[in-house]
Amino acid sequence: MVLSRTVTESNENVCSTFGSRYVRTALPKYEIGENSIPKDAAYQIIKDELMLDGNPRLNLASFVTTWMEPECDKLIMDSINKNYVDMDEYPVTTEFQNRCVNMIARLFNAPLEETETAVGVGTVGSSEAIMLAGLAFKRNWQNKRKAEGKPYDKPNIVTGANVQVCWEKFARYFEVELKEVKLSEGYYVMDPDKAAEMVDENTICVAAILGSTLNGEFEDVKRLNDLLVKKNEETGWNTPIHVDAASGGFIAPFIYPDLEWDFRLPLVKSINVSGHKYGLVYAGIGWVVWRAQEDLPDELIFHINYLGADQPTFTLNFSKGSSQIIAQYYQLIRLGFEGYKNVMENCIENMMVLKEGIEKTDRFKIVSKDQGVPVVAFSLKDHSFHNEFEISEMLRRFGWIVPAYTMPADAQHITVLRVVIREDFSRTLAERLVADIVKVLHELDTLPSKISKKMGAEDFGNVKGKKVEREMLMEVIVGWRKFVKDRKKMNGVC
């Protein structure tokens, strides 16, 4: 959700490019018009404005799927008018969700008998999935503390500082303290040893990430599990693990089958995964599965008789579309294990092509890992005259959307560019991107430093004497942020 704070004047209007063909009257932008307009005009007006959006295929900032087969597109359109919550009216869609939950749970090695049903639910992305998993951990912890006659008003979760913002949302919305393990230069994921040290009797779970959004790296869930097993034995606590596998959950089982991160580890009680990332479905669909029924408290499940039948539900949303659930089922049966493996291997191969091309420029340091989500994160070796933000901005001239950002605490002085390799990012595109990066570097080399030229010394502070590289880089980052903020007046979005 985007909160709008648009300040408008009453005479702002939307005009059709081809007005003489459809409609001559301008439309108000921020209030509903008095009269109807032809459907052709409405379509053309919206289509014209949407041309200014970026090309999703060239949006290398996003992990979210931007291409599906035409057959699946047709299934989505055929079911776009189905409200998933009407389970009694759409029992086949409900059955498809249950099949997906069971397929995913078994893919993650849930300890299920052959005829046993998995515990899980489809969600609107991994954000809702994380909220639901967090609520289950909080309620289980509270029930245990109440039974022991101990305080239960100060729950906390231990995570790395690299967690996605949805974890911060969960902590704030549901009043749970978020204890973050700080990062360090060269190590951009949660240190399991430090995480185990931060665990106390109020920790409802430790959240590990299988595929950090910063550099694609997998956290060491196996070591975390072993450390917590030992600590639980020493303290009498029963601190569990949740694995946020939003990005890596549909990669690791196919590419790294021997990597232990899932329900093979006894303390992993729940896992979330984004179907709309490497599950290869359009936004937004996520999944959360639990190890066993007892890991999901019964009191969190609602039984409603809203539309004529008992409907057990554990979601934050009520009405939602059925299309993405059907699309996920299509991908699972269409691709199978072999198909997903082929797609992920191809992504890894294209990642290596891009990585090697960037390395050949001899201008960047690669900060991503070969094992993990197919991501190439890289940082300039020399920040004397230009920085990653300028490269990101100039790549937009070629249509590429490549984000530049700083790492979280305590590695804020590190700035990186990141390219996400999705199924629709081909080797040809990887080679083309490298060529365009080389062009951008060549152009920057011929230009004076944009930072010093356009921002002035006051933006960096009064620098006297020799500064260490880290301090200088932080000044560049702060100065660039101020420059971008002053230059871009984002109207109405917060």
Protein backbone atom coordinates (compact mmCIF):
# COMPACT_ATOMS: atom_id res chain seq x y z
CA MET A 1 0.00 0.00 0.00
CA VAL A 2 1.22 3.49 -0.86
CA LEU A 3 -0.07 6.35 1.23
CA SER A 4 -0.93 9.29 -0.98
CA ARG A 5 -0.28 12.86 0.10
CA THR A 6 -0.88 14.46 -3.28
CA VAL A 7 -1.53 18.19 -3.15
CA THR A 8 -3.50 19.18 -6.20
CA GLU A 9 -5.11 22.21 -7.74
CA SER A 10 -8.65 22.02 -8.97
CA ASN A 11 -7.71 22.74 -12.59
CA GLU A 12 -5.36 19.74 -13.04
CA ASN A 13 -6.71 17.53 -15.79
CA VAL A 14 -5.92 14.42 -17.82
CA CYS A 15 -6.10 14.86 -21.58
CA SER A 16 -6.20 12.12 -24.20
CA THR A 17 -3.34 12.13 -26.71
CA PHE A 18 -5.78 11.31 -29.48
CA GLY A 19 -8.55 13.50 -28.08
CA SER A 20 -10.17 14.38 -31.39
CA ARG A 21 -10.76 10.68 -32.08
CA TYR A 22 -12.39 9.86 -28.73
CA VAL A 23 -13.23 12.74 -26.41
CA ARG A 24 -12.49 16.47 -26.39
CA THR A 25 -13.29 17.16 -22.74
CA ALA A 26 -10.40 17.03 -20.27
CA LEU A 27 -10.85 14.82 -17.20
CA PRO A 28 -10.12 15.85 -13.60
CA LYS A 29 -7.06 14.03 -12.21
CA TYR A 30 -7.94 13.67 -8.56
CA GLU A 31 -11.73 13.55 -8.44
CA ILE A 32 -14.28 11.46 -10.27
CA GLY A 33 -15.62 13.06 -13.44
CA GLU A 34 -19.24 14.03 -13.81
CA ASN A 35 -19.82 12.12 -17.03
CA SER A 36 -18.88 8.79 -18.59
CA ILE A 37 -16.39 8.61 -21.44
CA PRO A 38 -16.06 6.05 -24.25
CA LYS A 39 -14.25 2.85 -23.31
CA ASP A 40 -11.74 3.45 -26.10
CA ALA A 41 -10.83 6.82 -24.64
CA ALA A 42 -10.42 5.43 -21.11
CA TYR A 43 -8.19 2.68 -22.44
CA GLN A 44 -6.05 5.03 -24.53
CA ILE A 45 -5.61 7.58 -21.72
CA ILE A 46 -4.38 4.95 -19.30
CA LYS A 47 -2.23 3.17 -21.88
CA ASP A 48 -0.50 6.43 -22.78
CA GLU A 49 0.47 7.16 -19.17
CA LEU A 50 1.62 3.60 -18.56
CA MET A 51 4.19 4.00 -21.35
CA LEU A 52 6.20 6.03 -18.84
CA ASP A 53 6.60 3.02 -16.53
CA GLY A 54 9.78 1.00 -16.81
CA ASN A 55 9.92 -2.23 -18.78
CA PRO A 56 9.35 -5.08 -16.27
CA ARG A 57 11.71 -7.38 -18.20
CA LEU A 58 14.53 -4.86 -17.75
CA ASN A 59 13.73 -4.23 -14.08
CA LEU A 60 16.77 -5.97 -12.62
CA ALA A 61 15.97 -4.66 -9.15
CA SER A 62 13.07 -7.06 -8.65
CA PHE A 63 12.96 -10.73 -7.72
CA VAL A 64 9.32 -10.89 -8.84
CA THR A 65 8.37 -12.94 -11.90
CA THR A 66 7.73 -10.89 -15.04
CA TRP A 67 7.03 -13.63 -17.60
CA MET A 68 4.84 -16.71 -17.76
CA GLU A 69 3.77 -19.00 -20.57
CA PRO A 70 0.73 -17.89 -22.63
CA GLU A 71 -1.23 -20.95 -21.46
CA CYS A 72 -0.83 -19.81 -17.86
CA ASP A 73 -1.70 -16.23 -18.77
CA LYS A 74 -4.95 -17.60 -20.20
CA LEU A 75 -5.68 -19.58 -17.03
CA ILE A 76 -5.13 -16.43 -14.99
CA MET A 77 -7.58 -14.44 -17.11
CA ASP A 78 -10.11 -17.31 -17.03
CA SER A 79 -10.11 -17.27 -13.22
CA ILE A 80 -9.55 -13.58 -12.49
CA ASN A 81 -13.17 -13.16 -11.36
CA LYS A 82 -12.98 -15.88 -8.70
CA ASN A 83 -12.76 -14.77 -5.08
CA TYR A 84 -10.65 -17.38 -3.32
CA VAL A 85 -12.41 -16.90 0.01
CA ASP A 86 -15.58 -18.43 -1.46
CA MET A 87 -14.26 -21.92 -0.79
CA ASP A 88 -17.63 -23.63 -0.95
CA GLU A 89 -18.38 -22.05 -4.34
CA TYR A 90 -14.91 -22.77 -5.76
CA PRO A 91 -13.92 -26.11 -4.24
CA VAL A 92 -11.51 -27.01 -7.05
CA THR A 93 -9.48 -23.84 -6.45
CA THR A 94 -9.35 -24.72 -2.75
CA GLU A 95 -8.17 -28.21 -3.68
CA PHE A 96 -5.44 -26.68 -5.89
CA GLN A 97 -4.22 -24.65 -2.92
CA ASN A 98 -4.11 -27.76 -0.74
CA ARG A 99 -2.16 -29.64 -3.40
CA CYS A 100 0.34 -26.77 -3.65
CA VAL A 101 0.79 -26.70 0.13
CA ASN A 102 1.51 -30.43 0.19
CA MET A 103 3.88 -30.29 -2.76
CA ILE A 104 5.85 -27.42 -1.21
CA ALA A 105 5.94 -28.99 2.27
CA ARG A 106 7.31 -32.23 0.84
CA LEU A 107 9.78 -30.28 -1.29
CA PHE A 108 11.04 -28.82 2.01
CA ASN A 109 11.29 -32.29 3.55
CA ALA A 110 8.42 -31.96 6.02
CA PRO A 111 8.20 -35.12 8.19
CA LEU A 112 4.95 -36.38 6.67
CA GLU A 113 3.65 -39.88 6.20
CA GLU A 114 2.61 -40.81 2.68
CA THR A 115 -1.08 -40.11 3.33
CA GLU A 116 -0.58 -37.30 5.86
CA THR A 117 -1.74 -33.78 5.00
CA ALA A 118 0.68 -30.87 5.32
CA VAL A 119 -0.13 -27.76 7.36
CA GLY A 120 0.12 -24.52 5.43
CA VAL A 121 -1.67 -21.80 3.53
CA GLY A 122 -1.38 -19.62 0.46
CA THR A 123 -0.82 -15.94 1.19
CA VAL A 124 -0.49 -12.60 -0.56
CA GLY A 125 3.28 -12.80 -0.88
CA SER A 126 5.85 -13.65 1.76
CA SER A 127 4.98 -10.58 3.81
CA GLU A 128 1.66 -12.07 4.90
CA ALA A 129 3.31 -15.47 5.27
CA ILE A 130 5.89 -14.02 7.67
CA MET A 131 3.17 -12.26 9.67
CA LEU A 132 1.30 -15.54 10.08
CA ALA A 133 4.40 -17.51 11.04
CA GLY A 134 5.41 -14.81 13.51
CA LEU A 135 1.97 -14.83 15.12
CA ALA A 136 2.14 -18.60 15.54
CA PHE A 137 5.53 -18.34 17.25
CA LYS A 138 4.34 -15.52 19.49
CA ARG A 139 1.19 -17.35 20.59
CA ASN A 140 3.05 -20.63 21.25
CA TRP A 141 5.64 -18.76 23.32
CA GLN A 142 2.96 -16.88 25.27
CA ASN A 143 1.02 -20.07 26.01
CA LYS A 144 4.17 -21.76 27.27
CA ARG A 145 5.10 -18.79 29.47
CA LYS A 146 1.58 -18.58 30.89
CA ALA A 147 1.64 -22.28 31.76
CA GLU A 148 4.95 -21.74 33.56
CA GLY A 149 3.61 -18.71 35.43
CA LYS A 150 6.20 -16.40 33.85
CA PRO A 151 5.83 -12.93 32.24
CA TYR A 152 4.81 -13.04 28.60
CA ASP A 153 4.69 -9.36 27.66
CA LYS A 154 8.17 -8.87 26.16
CA PRO A 155 8.64 -11.26 23.22
CA ASN A 156 11.52 -10.79 20.81
CA ILE A 157 12.79 -12.18 17.53
CA VAL A 158 16.47 -12.47 16.63
CA THR A 159 17.34 -11.70 13.00
CA GLY A 160 20.15 -10.29 10.93
CA ALA A 161 20.21 -6.60 10.03
CA ASN A 162 19.77 -7.76 6.42
CA VAL A 163 16.15 -8.87 6.88
CA GLN A 164 13.47 -7.61 4.55
CA VAL A 165 11.27 -4.77 5.82
CA CYS A 166 8.30 -7.12 6.36
CA TRP A 167 10.06 -8.42 9.48
CA GLU A 168 10.24 -4.88 10.82
CA LYS A 169 6.57 -4.49 10.01
CA PHE A 170 5.70 -7.66 11.92
CA ALA A 171 7.70 -6.53 14.94
CA ARG A 172 6.08 -3.10 15.01
CA TYR A 173 2.53 -4.15 14.18
CA PHE A 174 2.44 -7.08 16.62
CA GLU A 175 4.60 -5.59 19.41
CA VAL A 176 7.60 -7.87 19.23
CA GLU A 177 11.12 -6.59 19.82
CA LEU A 178 13.39 -7.10 16.82
CA LYS A 179 16.94 -7.93 17.91
CA GLU A 180 19.22 -7.53 14.91
CA VAL A 181 22.66 -9.04 14.43
CA LYS A 182 24.73 -6.29 12.84
CA LEU A 183 26.64 -6.94 9.64
CA SER A 184 30.31 -6.31 8.93
CA GLU A 185 32.35 -5.56 5.85
CA GLY A 186 32.73 -8.71 3.80
CA TYR A 187 30.03 -10.59 5.76
CA TYR A 188 26.57 -9.42 4.76
CA VAL A 189 24.33 -12.05 6.36
CA MET A 190 23.45 -12.99 9.93
CA ASP A 191 26.31 -14.56 11.88
CA PRO A 192 24.74 -17.68 13.51
CA ASP A 193 27.16 -17.53 16.46
CA LYS A 194 26.19 -13.94 17.27
CA ALA A 195 22.52 -14.76 16.76
CA ALA A 196 22.67 -17.65 19.23
CA GLU A 197 24.36 -15.38 21.77
CA MET A 198 21.50 -12.85 21.50
CA VAL A 199 18.80 -15.46 22.20
CA ASP A 200 17.19 -15.22 25.64
CA GLU A 201 14.14 -16.68 27.39
CA ASN A 202 11.88 -14.15 25.63
CA THR A 203 12.99 -15.10 22.11
CA ILE A 204 10.01 -16.54 20.24
CA CYS A 205 12.19 -17.64 17.29
CA VAL A 206 15.33 -16.92 15.31
CA ALA A 207 14.61 -15.93 11.71
CA ALA A 208 17.18 -17.13 9.17
CA ILE A 209 17.16 -16.02 5.54
CA LEU A 210 17.69 -18.39 2.65
CA GLY A 211 18.66 -15.80 0.08
CA SER A 212 19.42 -12.32 1.40
CA THR A 213 17.96 -9.54 -0.75
CA LEU A 214 21.26 -7.66 -0.38
CA ASN A 215 23.52 -10.13 -2.15
CA GLY A 216 21.56 -13.39 -2.58
CA GLU A 217 23.62 -15.25 0.01
CA PHE A 218 22.18 -18.15 2.01
CA GLU A 219 22.53 -17.96 5.77
CA ASP A 220 23.98 -20.97 7.59
CA VAL A 221 20.77 -22.48 8.96
CA LYS A 222 22.49 -25.78 9.79
CA ARG A 223 25.01 -24.13 12.10
CA LEU A 224 22.29 -21.99 13.66
CA ASN A 225 20.24 -25.13 14.37
CA ASP A 226 23.22 -26.89 15.98
CA LEU A 227 24.04 -23.88 18.17
CA LEU A 228 20.44 -23.53 19.33
CA VAL A 229 20.10 -27.24 20.04
CA LYS A 230 23.07 -26.92 22.38
CA LYS A 231 21.77 -23.72 23.98
CA ASN A 232 18.29 -25.18 24.47
CA GLU A 233 19.83 -28.18 26.25
CA GLU A 234 21.83 -25.90 28.53
CA THR A 235 19.01 -23.47 29.37
CA GLY A 236 15.86 -25.57 29.16
CA TRP A 237 14.44 -23.20 26.56
CA ASN A 238 12.98 -24.42 23.31
CA THR A 239 13.94 -21.61 20.92
CA PRO A 240 12.79 -22.56 17.38
CA ILE A 241 13.81 -21.38 13.91
CA HIS A 242 11.80 -19.87 11.11
CA VAL A 243 13.37 -19.87 7.64
CA ASP A 244 12.51 -16.95 5.41
CA ALA A 245 13.03 -18.71 2.09
CA ALA A 246 11.17 -16.09 0.07
CA SER A 247 13.83 -16.05 -2.63
CA GLY A 248 15.77 -19.27 -2.08
CA GLY A 249 13.03 -21.76 -1.30
CA PHE A 250 12.42 -22.59 -4.95
CA ILE A 251 16.15 -22.66 -5.73
CA ALA A 252 17.93 -24.69 -3.03
CA PRO A 253 15.94 -27.96 -3.43
CA PHE A 254 16.78 -28.10 -7.15
CA ILE A 255 20.35 -26.75 -7.22
CA TYR A 256 21.69 -27.61 -3.74
CA PRO A 257 19.73 -30.72 -2.67
CA ASP A 258 22.32 -31.70 -0.05
CA LEU A 259 22.22 -28.32 1.69
CA GLU A 260 20.45 -28.73 5.05
CA TRP A 261 18.29 -25.70 5.73
CA ASP A 262 14.71 -27.00 5.83
CA PHE A 263 12.62 -29.40 7.94
CA ARG A 264 15.50 -31.86 8.01
CA LEU A 265 16.73 -29.65 10.86
CA PRO A 266 14.67 -30.35 14.01
CA LEU A 267 14.35 -26.73 15.18
CA VAL A 268 12.96 -25.45 11.88
CA LYS A 269 9.26 -25.16 12.65
CA SER A 270 8.00 -23.08 9.72
CA ILE A 271 9.15 -21.87 6.31
CA ASN A 272 7.81 -19.21 3.98
CA VAL A 273 8.47 -18.96 0.26
CA SER A 274 7.38 -16.53 -2.44
CA GLY A 275 5.61 -18.19 -5.31
CA HIS A 276 5.89 -14.92 -7.19
CA LYS A 277 9.69 -14.99 -7.10
CA TYR A 278 11.47 -18.17 -8.13
CA GLY A 279 8.18 -20.04 -7.82
CA LEU A 280 7.74 -18.42 -11.27
CA VAL A 281 4.29 -16.88 -10.75
CA TYR A 282 3.24 -13.26 -11.20
CA ALA A 283 2.81 -11.16 -8.05
CA GLY A 284 1.41 -11.76 -5.54
CA ILE A 285 1.43 -15.24 -4.09
CA GLY A 286 3.33 -16.61 -1.14
CA TRP A 287 3.23 -19.77 0.96
CA VAL A 288 3.87 -20.65 4.57
CA VAL A 289 4.14 -24.25 5.77
CA TRP A 290 4.57 -25.61 9.27
CA ARG A 291 6.50 -28.65 10.39
CA ALA A 292 3.54 -30.17 12.25
CA GLN A 293 0.01 -29.35 13.35
CA GLU A 294 1.12 -28.48 16.91
CA ASP A 295 3.32 -25.68 15.56
CA LEU A 296 0.21 -23.77 14.48
CA PRO A 297 -1.98 -23.00 17.53
CA ASP A 298 -5.63 -23.93 17.06
CA GLU A 299 -6.78 -20.64 18.56
CA LEU A 300 -5.38 -18.74 15.57
CA ILE A 301 -7.55 -20.68 13.13
CA PHE A 302 -11.00 -19.22 12.47
CA HIS A 303 -13.99 -21.33 11.50
CA ILE A 304 -16.50 -19.21 9.65
CA ASN A 305 -19.87 -19.98 8.09
CA TYR A 306 -20.02 -16.91 5.91
CA LEU A 307 -21.07 -18.53 2.65
CA GLY A 308 -22.82 -21.72 3.62
CA ALA A 309 -20.08 -24.07 4.77
CA ASP A 310 -17.49 -24.33 7.52
CA GLN A 311 -14.35 -22.56 6.33
CA PRO A 312 -11.24 -22.87 8.50
CA THR A 313 -9.00 -19.91 7.74
CA PHE A 314 -5.72 -18.46 8.99
CA THR A 315 -4.97 -15.37 6.95
CA LEU A 316 -4.69 -11.63 7.43
CA ASN A 317 -6.70 -11.02 4.28
CA PHE A 318 -10.22 -12.14 3.50
CA SER A 319 -11.12 -11.63 -0.15
CA LYS A 320 -8.34 -12.29 -2.64
CA GLY A 321 -8.00 -13.52 -6.21
CA SER A 322 -7.71 -17.17 -7.15
CA SER A 323 -5.57 -16.57 -10.23
CA GLN A 324 -2.14 -16.78 -8.62
CA ILE A 325 -2.99 -19.99 -6.75
CA ILE A 326 -4.09 -21.58 -10.02
CA ALA A 327 -0.96 -20.25 -11.73
CA GLN A 328 1.24 -21.77 -9.02
CA TYR A 329 -0.43 -25.14 -9.46
CA TYR A 330 0.10 -24.84 -13.22
CA GLN A 331 3.83 -24.23 -12.76
CA LEU A 332 4.26 -27.09 -10.30
CA ILE A 333 2.61 -29.68 -12.54
CA ARG A 334 3.88 -28.17 -15.81
CA LEU A 335 7.55 -27.99 -14.83
CA GLY A 336 7.91 -30.70 -12.20
CA PHE A 337 11.25 -31.21 -10.49
CA GLU A 338 13.08 -31.48 -13.82
CA GLY A 339 11.64 -28.24 -15.18
CA TYR A 340 12.38 -26.16 -12.09
CA LYS A 341 15.90 -27.59 -12.00
CA ASN A 342 16.48 -26.60 -15.63
CA VAL A 343 15.21 -23.06 -15.04
CA MET A 344 17.34 -22.54 -11.93
CA GLU A 345 20.46 -23.99 -13.55
CA ASN A 346 19.98 -21.64 -16.49
CA CYS A 347 19.65 -18.68 -14.12
CA ILE A 348 22.88 -19.68 -12.37
CA GLU A 349 24.69 -20.00 -15.71
CA ASN A 350 23.53 -16.53 -16.82
CA MET A 351 24.57 -15.16 -13.44
CA MET A 352 28.10 -16.47 -14.01
CA VAL A 353 28.20 -14.90 -17.49
CA LEU A 354 27.26 -11.54 -16.03
CA LYS A 355 29.63 -11.89 -13.09
CA GLU A 356 32.58 -12.77 -15.32
CA GLY A 357 31.80 -9.89 -17.65
CA ILE A 358 31.71 -7.42 -14.78
CA GLU A 359 34.95 -8.81 -13.35
CA LYS A 360 36.67 -8.35 -16.73
CA THR A 361 36.13 -4.59 -16.50
CA ASP A 362 38.54 -4.64 -13.53
CA ARG A 363 36.51 -1.80 -12.01
CA PHE A 364 34.30 -3.69 -9.58
CA LYS A 365 34.50 -5.97 -6.58
CA ILE A 366 31.90 -8.76 -6.51
CA VAL A 367 30.16 -8.93 -3.11
CA SER A 368 27.64 -11.68 -3.94
CA LYS A 369 28.33 -15.41 -3.63
CA ASP A 370 28.27 -18.15 -6.26
CA GLN A 371 26.09 -20.32 -4.00
CA GLY A 372 22.77 -18.68 -3.34
CA VAL A 373 20.08 -16.83 -5.23
CA PRO A 374 21.24 -15.94 -8.77
CA VAL A 375 22.20 -12.37 -7.97
CA VAL A 376 25.25 -10.34 -8.94
CA ALA A 377 26.01 -7.62 -6.40
CA PHE A 378 29.08 -5.52 -7.09
CA SER A 379 30.82 -2.42 -5.80
CA LEU A 380 33.28 0.03 -7.36
CA LYS A 381 36.89 -0.47 -6.36
CA ASP A 382 37.62 3.24 -6.70
CA HIS A 383 35.21 5.92 -5.48
CA SER A 384 37.53 8.88 -6.06
CA PHE A 385 35.40 10.55 -8.73
CA HIS A 386 32.16 8.64 -9.21
CA ASN A 387 29.94 6.20 -7.35
CA GLU A 388 27.39 3.44 -7.81
CA PHE A 389 24.43 5.82 -7.70
CA GLU A 390 25.69 7.59 -10.84
CA ILE A 391 26.13 4.27 -12.65
CA SER A 392 22.59 3.24 -11.69
CA GLU A 393 21.20 6.54 -12.95
CA MET A 394 23.08 6.41 -16.25
CA LEU A 395 22.06 2.81 -16.96
CA ARG A 396 18.46 3.99 -17.09
CA ARG A 397 19.30 5.69 -20.38
CA PHE A 398 19.59 2.21 -21.87
CA GLY A 399 16.36 1.05 -20.20
CA TRP A 400 18.06 -0.92 -17.40
CA ILE A 401 16.76 -0.57 -13.86
CA VAL A 402 19.73 -1.54 -11.68
CA PRO A 403 19.43 -0.45 -8.03
CA ALA A 404 22.23 1.09 -6.01
CA TYR A 405 22.01 1.02 -2.22
CA THR A 406 24.02 1.00 0.96
CA MET A 407 24.31 -2.00 3.25
CA PRO A 408 22.58 -2.03 6.68
CA ALA A 409 24.33 -1.53 10.02
CA ASP A 410 27.26 -1.96 10.60
CA ALA A 411 28.29 -1.95 6.96
CA GLN A 412 26.65 1.31 5.89
CA HIS A 413 29.84 2.51 4.23
CA ILE A 414 29.52 -0.23 1.57
CA THR A 415 27.51 0.73 -1.52
CA VAL A 416 26.57 -1.86 -4.14
CA LEU A 417 24.78 -2.32 -7.42
CA ARG A 418 22.64 -5.45 -7.69
CA VAL A 419 21.32 -7.40 -10.66
CA VAL A 420 18.71 -10.13 -10.11
CA ILE A 421 18.80 -12.93 -12.67
CA ARG A 422 15.29 -14.17 -13.39
CA GLU A 423 14.06 -16.80 -15.83
CA ASP A 424 13.47 -14.18 -18.53
CA PHE A 425 17.01 -12.72 -18.27
CA SER A 426 18.92 -14.40 -21.08
CA ARG A 427 22.62 -14.76 -21.76
CA THR A 428 22.22 -12.24 -24.59
CA LEU A 429 20.77 -9.70 -22.15
CA ALA A 430 23.60 -10.41 -19.69
CA GLU A 431 26.19 -9.71 -22.38
CA ARG A 432 24.31 -6.59 -23.45
CA LEU A 433 24.17 -5.30 -19.88
CA VAL A 434 27.93 -5.73 -19.51
CA ALA A 435 28.46 -3.79 -22.76
CA ASP A 436 26.23 -0.97 -21.50
CA ILE A 437 28.03 -0.87 -18.15
CA VAL A 438 31.32 -0.49 -20.04
CA LYS A 439 29.80 2.39 -22.03
CA VAL A 440 28.65 4.07 -18.82
CA LEU A 441 32.09 3.69 -17.24
CA HIS A 442 33.75 5.16 -20.32
CA GLU A 443 31.39 8.14 -20.29
CA LEU A 444 31.93 8.72 -16.57
CA ASP A 445 35.68 8.63 -17.12
CA THR A 446 35.38 11.51 -19.57
CA LEU A 447 33.25 13.63 -17.23
CA PRO A 448 34.26 15.63 -14.17
CA SER A 449 33.07 14.27 -10.85
CA LYS A 450 29.34 14.89 -10.72
CA ILE A 451 29.38 14.87 -6.95
CA SER A 452 31.92 17.64 -6.46
CA LYS A 453 30.57 19.65 -9.39
CA LYS A 454 26.88 19.68 -8.54
CA MET A 455 26.73 19.39 -4.78
CA GLY A 456 29.50 21.57 -3.45
CA ALA A 457 31.77 21.26 -0.46
CA GLU A 458 29.04 22.01 2.08
CA ASP A 459 27.34 18.72 1.31
CA PHE A 460 30.41 16.79 2.37
CA GLY A 461 31.32 18.84 5.40
CA ASN A 462 34.45 20.86 5.82
CA VAL A 463 37.07 18.21 5.02
CA LYS A 464 40.57 19.14 6.17
CA GLY A 465 43.51 16.85 6.02
CA LYS A 466 43.57 13.25 4.88
CA LYS A 467 40.52 11.13 5.64
CA VAL A 468 40.46 7.37 5.74
CA GLU A 469 38.67 5.79 2.79
CA ARG A 470 35.68 4.66 4.89
CA GLU A 471 35.01 8.20 6.16
CA MET A 472 35.35 9.67 2.69
CA LEU A 473 32.96 7.09 1.26
CA MET A 474 30.35 7.82 3.93
CA GLU A 475 30.57 11.52 3.08
CA VAL A 476 30.01 10.69 -0.60
CA ILE A 477 26.98 8.56 0.26
CA VAL A 478 25.42 11.22 2.50
CA GLY A 479 26.12 13.91 -0.05
CA TRP A 480 24.66 11.89 -2.91
CA ARG A 481 21.52 11.10 -0.94
CA LYS A 482 21.01 14.80 -0.29
CA PHE A 483 21.57 15.61 -3.94
CA VAL A 484 19.05 13.01 -5.12
CA LYS A 485 16.51 14.10 -2.51
CA ASP A 486 16.78 17.76 -3.51
CA ARG A 487 16.66 16.96 -7.23
CA LYS A 488 13.72 14.57 -7.20
CA LYS A 489 10.50 16.05 -5.87
CA MET A 490 8.44 12.93 -5.44
CA ASN A 491 4.86 14.20 -5.48
CA GLY A 492 2.42 12.41 -3.22
CA VAL A 493 4.27 9.21 -2.35
CA CYS A 494 5.67 8.25 1.03
